Amino acid sequence: MKKREMIELFRKSIDTMPLTRLYLNYDAYETYWFPLGASEKLFYVLKEDDFIINGFSIRRFCDLKKIEIKDDKKYNDILKAEKIFDGVIVPDIDLTNWHSVFMSLYRIGNNIIIEHESLIEEEWEYYIGKIEKVLKTKVLFRHFDAEGNWQDEFYEIPFSSITSVTFDSRYVNVFSKYV
């Protein structure tokens, strides 16, 4: 399937929000998501993992290798029976570009995860923390480390290096309570 066809399939599925299997350039395995929104270059999804909703993510279409709609009646029946969408409030995020995404997230004010994902471990970059300032081509970001210590210096993260932003996930929400 060509990139344009994948984007169109994703866009058409936003209204019905079927469970969608995505294969990304930087991930060796498929992941499961519910489509929420899209712009020309970015898409907005809700993470699903073994009948659990685990946060929102914004990713780039250029990293999409393959998309499949998971048309599994039994699985969908379980999702409904377990009421996994109860209480899920989808934040309004402007997907025009990374600048508008970060402005939307800055206004929300919660901690987030920013990543530059890669199949090459040495190229992988991971930041968890809060947005300090959004500039034209980058975000100033205050990161806390694996021990929950806030770093003194802000990271300047160019939009061009970002593959994904994750927010309202269990990991970021729980960890953020203890920093």
N, C-alpha and C. Protein backbone atom coordinates (compact mmCIF):
# COMPACT_ATOMS: atom_id res chain seq x y z
N MET A 1 0.85 -1.18 0.00
CA MET A 1 0.00 0.00 0.00
C MET A 1 0.89 1.24 0.00
N LYS A 2 0.58 2.18 -0.85
CA LYS A 2 1.35 3.42 -0.94
C LYS A 2 1.04 4.32 0.25
N LYS A 3 1.98 5.23 0.54
CA LYS A 3 1.84 6.13 1.69
C LYS A 3 0.52 6.90 1.63
N ARG A 4 0.17 7.45 0.47
CA ARG A 4 -1.07 8.22 0.32
C ARG A 4 -2.29 7.35 0.65
N GLU A 5 -2.27 6.09 0.24
CA GLU A 5 -3.38 5.17 0.53
C GLU A 5 -3.47 4.88 2.03
N MET A 6 -2.32 4.73 2.68
CA MET A 6 -2.31 4.51 4.13
C MET A 6 -2.90 5.71 4.86
N ILE A 7 -2.51 6.89 4.44
CA ILE A 7 -3.02 8.11 5.07
C ILE A 7 -4.53 8.21 4.88
N GLU A 8 -5.02 7.91 3.68
CA GLU A 8 -6.46 7.96 3.42
C GLU A 8 -7.21 6.92 4.25
N LEU A 9 -6.67 5.72 4.38
CA LEU A 9 -7.29 4.69 5.22
C LEU A 9 -7.36 5.16 6.67
N PHE A 10 -6.27 5.76 7.14
CA PHE A 10 -6.26 6.29 8.51
C PHE A 10 -7.33 7.36 8.67
N ARG A 11 -7.38 8.32 7.75
CA ARG A 11 -8.35 9.42 7.82
C ARG A 11 -9.79 8.90 7.83
N LYS A 12 -10.08 7.93 6.97
CA LYS A 12 -11.44 7.37 6.89
C LYS A 12 -11.83 6.66 8.18
N SER A 13 -10.86 6.15 8.91
CA SER A 13 -11.16 5.40 10.13
C SER A 13 -11.34 6.28 11.37
N ILE A 14 -11.07 7.57 11.26
CA ILE A 14 -11.16 8.45 12.43
C ILE A 14 -12.57 8.48 13.01
N ASP A 15 -13.58 8.58 12.17
CA ASP A 15 -14.96 8.68 12.66
C ASP A 15 -15.43 7.43 13.39
N THR A 16 -15.04 6.26 12.92
CA THR A 16 -15.49 5.01 13.53
C THR A 16 -14.53 4.49 14.59
N MET A 17 -13.32 5.00 14.63
CA MET A 17 -12.30 4.64 15.62
C MET A 17 -12.10 3.13 15.79
N PRO A 18 -11.88 2.39 14.71
CA PRO A 18 -11.61 0.96 14.89
C PRO A 18 -10.21 0.76 15.46
N LEU A 19 -10.02 -0.36 16.14
CA LEU A 19 -8.68 -0.70 16.58
C LEU A 19 -7.82 -0.88 15.34
N THR A 20 -6.67 -0.20 15.33
CA THR A 20 -5.83 -0.16 14.14
C THR A 20 -4.42 -0.63 14.48
N ARG A 21 -3.90 -1.51 13.66
CA ARG A 21 -2.55 -2.03 13.83
C ARG A 21 -1.62 -1.18 12.97
N LEU A 22 -0.61 -0.58 13.60
CA LEU A 22 0.34 0.26 12.88
C LEU A 22 1.74 -0.34 12.94
N TYR A 23 2.41 -0.28 11.82
CA TYR A 23 3.81 -0.68 11.73
C TYR A 23 4.60 0.58 11.42
N LEU A 24 5.58 0.89 12.27
CA LEU A 24 6.35 2.12 12.13
C LEU A 24 7.81 1.81 11.82
N ASN A 25 8.46 2.70 11.10
CA ASN A 25 9.85 2.50 10.66
C ASN A 25 10.80 2.17 11.80
N TYR A 26 10.58 2.73 12.96
CA TYR A 26 11.51 2.60 14.07
C TYR A 26 11.09 1.54 15.08
N ASP A 27 10.09 0.75 14.76
CA ASP A 27 9.59 -0.25 15.70
C ASP A 27 9.61 -1.62 15.04
N ALA A 28 10.20 -2.59 15.70
CA ALA A 28 10.30 -3.94 15.13
C ALA A 28 8.96 -4.68 15.15
N TYR A 29 8.03 -4.22 15.99
CA TYR A 29 6.75 -4.89 16.14
C TYR A 29 5.60 -3.93 15.87
N GLU A 30 4.45 -4.50 15.55
CA GLU A 30 3.27 -3.66 15.37
C GLU A 30 2.76 -3.18 16.73
N THR A 31 2.03 -2.08 16.70
CA THR A 31 1.40 -1.55 17.90
C THR A 31 -0.06 -1.26 17.57
N TYR A 32 -0.88 -1.16 18.60
CA TYR A 32 -2.32 -1.01 18.41
C TYR A 32 -2.80 0.34 18.93
N TRP A 33 -3.64 0.98 18.11
CA TRP A 33 -4.08 2.34 18.39
C TRP A 33 -5.51 2.54 17.91
N PHE A 34 -6.16 3.54 18.48
CA PHE A 34 -7.44 4.02 17.96
C PHE A 34 -7.18 5.38 17.32
N PRO A 35 -7.53 5.56 16.05
CA PRO A 35 -7.28 6.84 15.36
C PRO A 35 -8.20 7.95 15.88
N LEU A 36 -7.61 9.11 16.14
CA LEU A 36 -8.37 10.25 16.67
C LEU A 36 -8.37 11.46 15.74
N GLY A 37 -7.28 11.67 15.02
CA GLY A 37 -7.19 12.85 14.17
C GLY A 37 -5.95 12.80 13.30
N ALA A 38 -5.95 13.70 12.31
CA ALA A 38 -4.80 13.73 11.39
C ALA A 38 -4.71 15.08 10.71
N SER A 39 -3.48 15.45 10.39
CA SER A 39 -3.20 16.58 9.51
C SER A 39 -2.45 16.01 8.31
N GLU A 40 -1.84 16.84 7.52
CA GLU A 40 -1.08 16.34 6.38
C GLU A 40 0.12 15.49 6.81
N LYS A 41 0.77 15.87 7.92
CA LYS A 41 2.01 15.20 8.30
C LYS A 41 1.94 14.44 9.61
N LEU A 42 0.96 14.74 10.46
CA LEU A 42 0.90 14.14 11.79
C LEU A 42 -0.41 13.40 12.00
N PHE A 43 -0.37 12.40 12.88
CA PHE A 43 -1.61 11.73 13.27
C PHE A 43 -1.67 11.57 14.78
N TYR A 44 -2.89 11.50 15.29
CA TYR A 44 -3.21 11.51 16.71
C TYR A 44 -3.91 10.20 17.02
N VAL A 45 -3.39 9.47 18.01
CA VAL A 45 -3.93 8.15 18.33
C VAL A 45 -4.04 7.93 19.84
N LEU A 46 -4.89 6.98 20.19
CA LEU A 46 -5.08 6.54 21.57
C LEU A 46 -4.50 5.13 21.65
N LYS A 47 -3.59 4.90 22.58
CA LYS A 47 -2.87 3.62 22.69
C LYS A 47 -3.74 2.55 23.34
N GLU A 48 -3.72 1.35 22.74
CA GLU A 48 -4.41 0.19 23.32
C GLU A 48 -3.41 -0.92 23.50
N ASP A 49 -3.44 -1.55 24.68
CA ASP A 49 -2.54 -2.65 24.96
C ASP A 49 -3.25 -3.65 25.85
N ASP A 50 -3.61 -4.79 25.30
CA ASP A 50 -4.28 -5.85 26.06
C ASP A 50 -5.50 -5.35 26.83
N PHE A 51 -6.41 -4.71 26.11
CA PHE A 51 -7.68 -4.22 26.64
C PHE A 51 -7.52 -3.06 27.62
N ILE A 52 -6.40 -2.38 27.56
CA ILE A 52 -6.17 -1.22 28.42
C ILE A 52 -5.85 -0.02 27.54
N ILE A 53 -6.46 1.12 27.84
CA ILE A 53 -6.12 2.38 27.17
C ILE A 53 -4.93 2.96 27.92
N ASN A 54 -3.88 3.31 27.18
CA ASN A 54 -2.67 3.78 27.85
C ASN A 54 -2.11 5.04 27.20
N GLY A 55 -2.92 6.09 27.18
CA GLY A 55 -2.43 7.39 26.78
C GLY A 55 -2.61 7.72 25.31
N PHE A 56 -2.26 8.96 25.01
CA PHE A 56 -2.39 9.53 23.68
C PHE A 56 -1.00 9.71 23.08
N SER A 57 -0.94 9.68 21.76
CA SER A 57 0.33 9.89 21.08
C SER A 57 0.10 10.64 19.78
N ILE A 58 1.06 11.44 19.43
CA ILE A 58 1.06 12.13 18.14
C ILE A 58 2.33 11.68 17.43
N ARG A 59 2.16 11.24 16.19
CA ARG A 59 3.25 10.66 15.42
C ARG A 59 3.25 11.19 14.00
N ARG A 60 4.31 10.87 13.26
CA ARG A 60 4.46 11.37 11.90
C ARG A 60 4.03 10.31 10.88
N PHE A 61 3.29 10.75 9.87
CA PHE A 61 2.92 9.84 8.79
C PHE A 61 4.15 9.32 8.05
N CYS A 62 5.20 10.11 7.97
CA CYS A 62 6.39 9.67 7.22
C CYS A 62 7.03 8.43 7.85
N ASP A 63 6.72 8.13 9.11
CA ASP A 63 7.27 6.95 9.79
C ASP A 63 6.39 5.71 9.65
N LEU A 64 5.23 5.86 9.03
CA LEU A 64 4.28 4.76 8.89
C LEU A 64 4.68 3.83 7.75
N LYS A 65 4.86 2.54 8.07
CA LYS A 65 5.21 1.53 7.06
C LYS A 65 3.99 0.79 6.56
N LYS A 66 3.05 0.53 7.48
CA LYS A 66 1.90 -0.29 7.14
C LYS A 66 0.78 -0.01 8.13
N ILE A 67 -0.45 -0.10 7.66
CA ILE A 67 -1.61 0.10 8.52
C ILE A 67 -2.63 -1.00 8.22
N GLU A 68 -3.23 -1.54 9.27
CA GLU A 68 -4.28 -2.55 9.12
C GLU A 68 -5.38 -2.26 10.12
N ILE A 69 -6.61 -2.35 9.67
CA ILE A 69 -7.75 -2.22 10.57
C ILE A 69 -7.99 -3.60 11.16
N LYS A 70 -8.03 -3.69 12.48
CA LYS A 70 -8.25 -4.97 13.14
C LYS A 70 -9.75 -5.20 13.23
N ASP A 71 -10.26 -5.97 12.30
CA ASP A 71 -11.70 -6.24 12.22
C ASP A 71 -11.98 -7.57 12.92
N ASP A 72 -11.99 -7.52 14.25
CA ASP A 72 -12.15 -8.72 15.07
C ASP A 72 -13.36 -8.52 15.97
N LYS A 73 -14.48 -9.14 15.61
CA LYS A 73 -15.73 -8.94 16.34
C LYS A 73 -15.59 -9.29 17.82
N LYS A 74 -14.98 -10.42 18.13
CA LYS A 74 -14.84 -10.84 19.52
C LYS A 74 -14.05 -9.80 20.32
N TYR A 75 -12.94 -9.35 19.76
CA TYR A 75 -12.11 -8.36 20.45
C TYR A 75 -12.90 -7.07 20.68
N ASN A 76 -13.62 -6.63 19.65
CA ASN A 76 -14.42 -5.41 19.77
C ASN A 76 -15.53 -5.57 20.81
N ASP A 77 -16.14 -6.75 20.87
CA ASP A 77 -17.17 -7.02 21.88
C ASP A 77 -16.58 -6.94 23.29
N ILE A 78 -15.37 -7.46 23.46
CA ILE A 78 -14.70 -7.39 24.77
C ILE A 78 -14.41 -5.94 25.13
N LEU A 79 -13.91 -5.16 24.18
CA LEU A 79 -13.64 -3.74 24.45
C LEU A 79 -14.90 -3.03 24.93
N LYS A 80 -16.03 -3.30 24.28
CA LYS A 80 -17.29 -2.68 24.68
C LYS A 80 -17.74 -3.18 26.05
N ALA A 81 -17.68 -4.50 26.27
CA ALA A 81 -18.11 -5.08 27.54
C ALA A 81 -17.27 -4.56 28.71
N GLU A 82 -15.99 -4.36 28.47
CA GLU A 82 -15.08 -3.87 29.51
C GLU A 82 -15.16 -2.35 29.67
N LYS A 83 -15.90 -1.70 28.80
CA LYS A 83 -16.11 -0.24 28.85
C LYS A 83 -14.79 0.52 28.92
N ILE A 84 -13.86 0.13 28.06
CA ILE A 84 -12.53 0.75 28.15
C ILE A 84 -12.52 2.22 27.77
N PHE A 85 -13.57 2.67 27.09
CA PHE A 85 -13.61 4.09 26.70
C PHE A 85 -14.31 4.96 27.74
N ASP A 86 -14.92 4.34 28.75
CA ASP A 86 -15.61 5.12 29.77
C ASP A 86 -14.62 6.05 30.47
N GLY A 87 -14.95 7.29 30.54
CA GLY A 87 -14.10 8.26 31.22
C GLY A 87 -12.96 8.81 30.39
N VAL A 88 -12.78 8.32 29.18
CA VAL A 88 -11.70 8.84 28.33
C VAL A 88 -12.13 10.17 27.73
N ILE A 89 -11.38 11.20 28.02
CA ILE A 89 -11.63 12.53 27.47
C ILE A 89 -10.47 12.83 26.52
N VAL A 90 -10.82 13.07 25.27
CA VAL A 90 -9.80 13.31 24.25
C VAL A 90 -9.48 14.80 24.20
N PRO A 91 -8.25 15.18 24.59
CA PRO A 91 -7.87 16.59 24.52
C PRO A 91 -7.85 17.10 23.08
N ASP A 92 -8.23 18.34 22.92
CA ASP A 92 -8.21 18.99 21.61
C ASP A 92 -6.78 19.45 21.32
N ILE A 93 -6.16 18.84 20.33
CA ILE A 93 -4.79 19.15 19.96
C ILE A 93 -4.77 19.64 18.52
N ASP A 94 -4.16 20.79 18.29
CA ASP A 94 -4.01 21.32 16.93
C ASP A 94 -2.87 20.57 16.24
N LEU A 95 -3.22 19.78 15.23
CA LEU A 95 -2.25 18.92 14.55
C LEU A 95 -1.61 19.55 13.32
N THR A 96 -1.75 20.84 13.14
CA THR A 96 -1.22 21.50 11.95
C THR A 96 0.26 21.18 11.73
N ASN A 97 1.06 21.28 12.80
CA ASN A 97 2.49 21.00 12.75
C ASN A 97 2.98 20.81 14.18
N TRP A 98 4.27 20.51 14.35
CA TRP A 98 4.78 20.29 15.71
C TRP A 98 4.63 21.54 16.57
N HIS A 99 4.82 22.72 15.99
CA HIS A 99 4.67 23.95 16.77
C HIS A 99 3.27 24.03 17.38
N SER A 100 2.25 23.81 16.57
CA SER A 100 0.87 23.90 17.08
C SER A 100 0.57 22.78 18.07
N VAL A 101 1.14 21.60 17.85
CA VAL A 101 0.96 20.50 18.81
C VAL A 101 1.52 20.90 20.17
N PHE A 102 2.75 21.42 20.18
CA PHE A 102 3.37 21.78 21.45
C PHE A 102 2.69 22.97 22.11
N MET A 103 2.15 23.89 21.34
CA MET A 103 1.38 24.99 21.93
C MET A 103 0.13 24.44 22.62
N SER A 104 -0.55 23.49 21.98
CA SER A 104 -1.72 22.86 22.59
C SER A 104 -1.35 22.14 23.88
N LEU A 105 -0.27 21.38 23.84
CA LEU A 105 0.16 20.64 25.03
C LEU A 105 0.66 21.57 26.13
N TYR A 106 1.30 22.66 25.75
CA TYR A 106 1.76 23.65 26.73
C TYR A 106 0.57 24.22 27.50
N ARG A 107 -0.51 24.52 26.77
CA ARG A 107 -1.71 25.05 27.42
C ARG A 107 -2.34 24.03 28.37
N ILE A 108 -2.27 22.76 28.04
CA ILE A 108 -2.79 21.72 28.93
C ILE A 108 -1.96 21.66 30.20
N GLY A 109 -0.64 21.75 30.06
CA GLY A 109 0.25 21.88 31.21
C GLY A 109 0.72 20.61 31.89
N ASN A 110 0.37 19.45 31.38
CA ASN A 110 0.81 18.20 32.01
C ASN A 110 2.17 17.76 31.48
N ASN A 111 2.82 16.88 32.23
CA ASN A 111 4.08 16.31 31.76
C ASN A 111 3.83 15.42 30.55
N ILE A 112 4.83 15.31 29.71
CA ILE A 112 4.73 14.53 28.47
C ILE A 112 6.03 13.78 28.24
N ILE A 113 6.02 12.92 27.23
CA ILE A 113 7.22 12.23 26.77
C ILE A 113 7.47 12.64 25.32
N ILE A 114 8.71 13.00 25.02
CA ILE A 114 9.12 13.32 23.66
C ILE A 114 10.17 12.29 23.27
N GLU A 115 10.04 11.73 22.06
CA GLU A 115 11.00 10.73 21.62
C GLU A 115 11.49 10.96 20.20
N HIS A 116 12.72 10.56 20.01
CA HIS A 116 13.28 10.35 18.67
C HIS A 116 13.56 8.86 18.63
N GLU A 117 12.66 8.11 18.00
CA GLU A 117 12.76 6.65 18.00
C GLU A 117 13.59 6.18 16.81
N SER A 118 14.27 5.06 17.02
CA SER A 118 15.12 4.50 15.97
C SER A 118 15.33 3.02 16.25
N LEU A 119 15.56 2.25 15.21
CA LEU A 119 15.92 0.85 15.40
C LEU A 119 17.35 0.72 15.91
N ILE A 120 18.12 1.79 15.79
CA ILE A 120 19.50 1.82 16.29
C ILE A 120 19.47 2.46 17.68
N GLU A 121 19.77 1.65 18.68
CA GLU A 121 19.63 2.08 20.07
C GLU A 121 20.39 3.38 20.39
N GLU A 122 21.57 3.55 19.83
CA GLU A 122 22.38 4.73 20.12
C GLU A 122 21.75 6.02 19.58
N GLU A 123 20.84 5.90 18.64
CA GLU A 123 20.18 7.07 18.05
C GLU A 123 18.90 7.45 18.79
N TRP A 124 18.43 6.56 19.65
CA TRP A 124 17.17 6.77 20.36
C TRP A 124 17.34 7.89 21.38
N GLU A 125 16.40 8.82 21.40
CA GLU A 125 16.40 9.89 22.40
C GLU A 125 15.04 9.89 23.09
N TYR A 126 15.06 10.08 24.41
CA TYR A 126 13.85 9.99 25.22
C TYR A 126 13.89 11.08 26.28
N TYR A 127 12.83 11.85 26.34
CA TYR A 127 12.72 12.92 27.33
C TYR A 127 11.36 12.82 28.00
N ILE A 128 11.33 12.96 29.32
CA ILE A 128 10.07 13.01 30.05
C ILE A 128 10.11 14.24 30.94
N GLY A 129 9.05 15.01 30.92
CA GLY A 129 9.03 16.22 31.72
C GLY A 129 8.00 17.20 31.21
N LYS A 130 8.36 18.49 31.29
CA LYS A 130 7.37 19.51 30.93
C LYS A 130 7.93 20.51 29.91
N ILE A 131 7.01 21.05 29.17
CA ILE A 131 7.34 22.07 28.17
C ILE A 131 7.58 23.39 28.90
N GLU A 132 8.72 24.00 28.66
CA GLU A 132 9.01 25.30 29.25
C GLU A 132 8.65 26.43 28.30
N LYS A 133 8.96 26.23 27.01
CA LYS A 133 8.68 27.27 26.03
C LYS A 133 8.66 26.64 24.64
N VAL A 134 7.76 27.15 23.81
CA VAL A 134 7.66 26.67 22.43
C VAL A 134 8.18 27.78 21.52
N LEU A 135 9.22 27.45 20.76
CA LEU A 135 9.80 28.39 19.81
C LEU A 135 9.38 27.99 18.39
N LYS A 136 9.84 28.74 17.41
CA LYS A 136 9.41 28.50 16.03
C LYS A 136 9.80 27.12 15.50
N THR A 137 11.01 26.66 15.82
CA THR A 137 11.49 25.39 15.26
C THR A 137 11.90 24.36 16.31
N LYS A 138 11.67 24.68 17.58
CA LYS A 138 12.08 23.75 18.64
C LYS A 138 11.28 24.01 19.91
N VAL A 139 11.41 23.09 20.84
CA VAL A 139 10.76 23.22 22.13
C VAL A 139 11.84 23.22 23.21
N LEU A 140 11.69 24.09 24.19
CA LEU A 140 12.56 24.07 25.37
C LEU A 140 11.87 23.18 26.39
N PHE A 141 12.59 22.16 26.87
CA PHE A 141 11.96 21.10 27.64
C PHE A 141 12.73 20.83 28.91
N ARG A 142 12.00 20.73 30.01
CA ARG A 142 12.61 20.41 31.31
C ARG A 142 12.38 18.93 31.59
N HIS A 143 13.45 18.19 31.67
CA HIS A 143 13.44 16.72 31.76
C HIS A 143 13.73 16.27 33.19
N PHE A 144 13.07 15.19 33.62
CA PHE A 144 13.52 14.54 34.85
C PHE A 144 14.06 13.15 34.50
N ASP A 145 15.06 12.72 35.28
CA ASP A 145 15.74 11.46 34.97
C ASP A 145 15.02 10.26 35.57
N ALA A 146 15.60 9.08 35.42
CA ALA A 146 14.99 7.82 35.87
C ALA A 146 14.84 7.74 37.38
N GLU A 147 15.55 8.62 38.11
CA GLU A 147 15.41 8.66 39.56
C GLU A 147 14.46 9.77 40.00
N GLY A 148 13.85 10.45 39.05
CA GLY A 148 12.89 11.50 39.37
C GLY A 148 13.52 12.84 39.68
N ASN A 149 14.77 13.03 39.31
CA ASN A 149 15.46 14.30 39.55
C ASN A 149 15.31 15.21 38.34
N TRP A 150 14.81 16.42 38.59
CA TRP A 150 14.69 17.40 37.51
C TRP A 150 16.08 17.89 37.12
N GLN A 151 16.33 17.95 35.83
CA GLN A 151 17.60 18.45 35.31
C GLN A 151 17.60 19.98 35.41
N ASP A 152 18.77 20.55 35.69
CA ASP A 152 18.88 22.00 35.82
C ASP A 152 18.74 22.71 34.48
N GLU A 153 19.34 22.13 33.46
CA GLU A 153 19.34 22.75 32.13
C GLU A 153 18.14 22.29 31.32
N PHE A 154 17.60 23.20 30.52
CA PHE A 154 16.53 22.83 29.59
C PHE A 154 17.15 22.18 28.37
N TYR A 155 16.45 21.22 27.82
CA TYR A 155 16.86 20.64 26.54
C TYR A 155 16.21 21.46 25.43
N GLU A 156 16.96 21.73 24.38
CA GLU A 156 16.42 22.36 23.18
C GLU A 156 16.22 21.24 22.17
N ILE A 157 14.97 20.89 21.94
CA ILE A 157 14.67 19.75 21.07
C ILE A 157 14.08 20.27 19.76
N PRO A 158 14.82 20.12 18.66
CA PRO A 158 14.31 20.58 17.36
C PRO A 158 13.12 19.72 16.93
N PHE A 159 12.11 20.37 16.37
CA PHE A 159 10.94 19.64 15.89
C PHE A 159 11.35 18.58 14.87
N SER A 160 12.36 18.86 14.08
CA SER A 160 12.79 17.93 13.02
C SER A 160 13.30 16.60 13.56
N SER A 161 13.69 16.56 14.84
CA SER A 161 14.21 15.32 15.41
C SER A 161 13.14 14.50 16.14
N ILE A 162 11.94 15.01 16.26
CA ILE A 162 10.89 14.35 17.05
C ILE A 162 10.10 13.37 16.18
N THR A 163 9.99 12.14 16.67
CA THR A 163 9.15 11.15 15.99
C THR A 163 7.81 10.99 16.69
N SER A 164 7.76 11.23 18.01
CA SER A 164 6.48 11.09 18.71
C SER A 164 6.45 11.89 20.00
N VAL A 165 5.23 12.19 20.40
CA VAL A 165 4.95 12.81 21.68
C VAL A 165 3.85 11.98 22.33
N THR A 166 4.04 11.62 23.59
CA THR A 166 3.06 10.83 24.33
C THR A 166 2.64 11.60 25.57
N PHE A 167 1.34 11.56 25.86
CA PHE A 167 0.84 12.23 27.05
C PHE A 167 -0.34 11.47 27.62
N ASP A 168 -0.57 11.69 28.90
CA ASP A 168 -1.65 11.04 29.64
C ASP A 168 -1.53 9.52 29.62
N SER A 169 -0.29 9.01 29.54
CA SER A 169 -0.06 7.56 29.65
C SER A 169 0.09 7.22 31.13
N ARG A 170 -0.11 5.97 31.45
CA ARG A 170 0.03 5.55 32.85
C ARG A 170 1.44 5.87 33.35
N TYR A 171 2.46 5.59 32.55
CA TYR A 171 3.84 5.82 32.98
C TYR A 171 4.09 7.28 33.33
N VAL A 172 3.76 8.18 32.41
CA VAL A 172 4.04 9.60 32.66
C VAL A 172 3.17 10.13 33.80
N ASN A 173 1.93 9.69 33.91
CA ASN A 173 1.05 10.19 34.97
C ASN A 173 1.48 9.72 36.35
N VAL A 174 1.80 8.43 36.48
CA VAL A 174 2.21 7.91 37.79
C VAL A 174 3.56 8.49 38.19
N PHE A 175 4.55 8.45 37.31
CA PHE A 175 5.88 8.96 37.62
C PHE A 175 5.80 10.44 38.01
N SER A 176 4.97 11.20 37.31
CA SER A 176 4.87 12.64 37.55
C SER A 176 4.36 12.97 38.95
N LYS A 177 3.62 12.07 39.55
CA LYS A 177 3.13 12.31 40.92
C LYS A 177 4.25 12.30 41.94
N TYR A 178 5.40 11.72 41.58
CA TYR A 178 6.47 11.52 42.55
C TYR A 178 7.74 12.30 42.24
N VAL A 179 7.63 13.31 41.40
CA VAL A 179 8.80 14.14 41.12
C VAL A 179 8.56 15.57 41.59
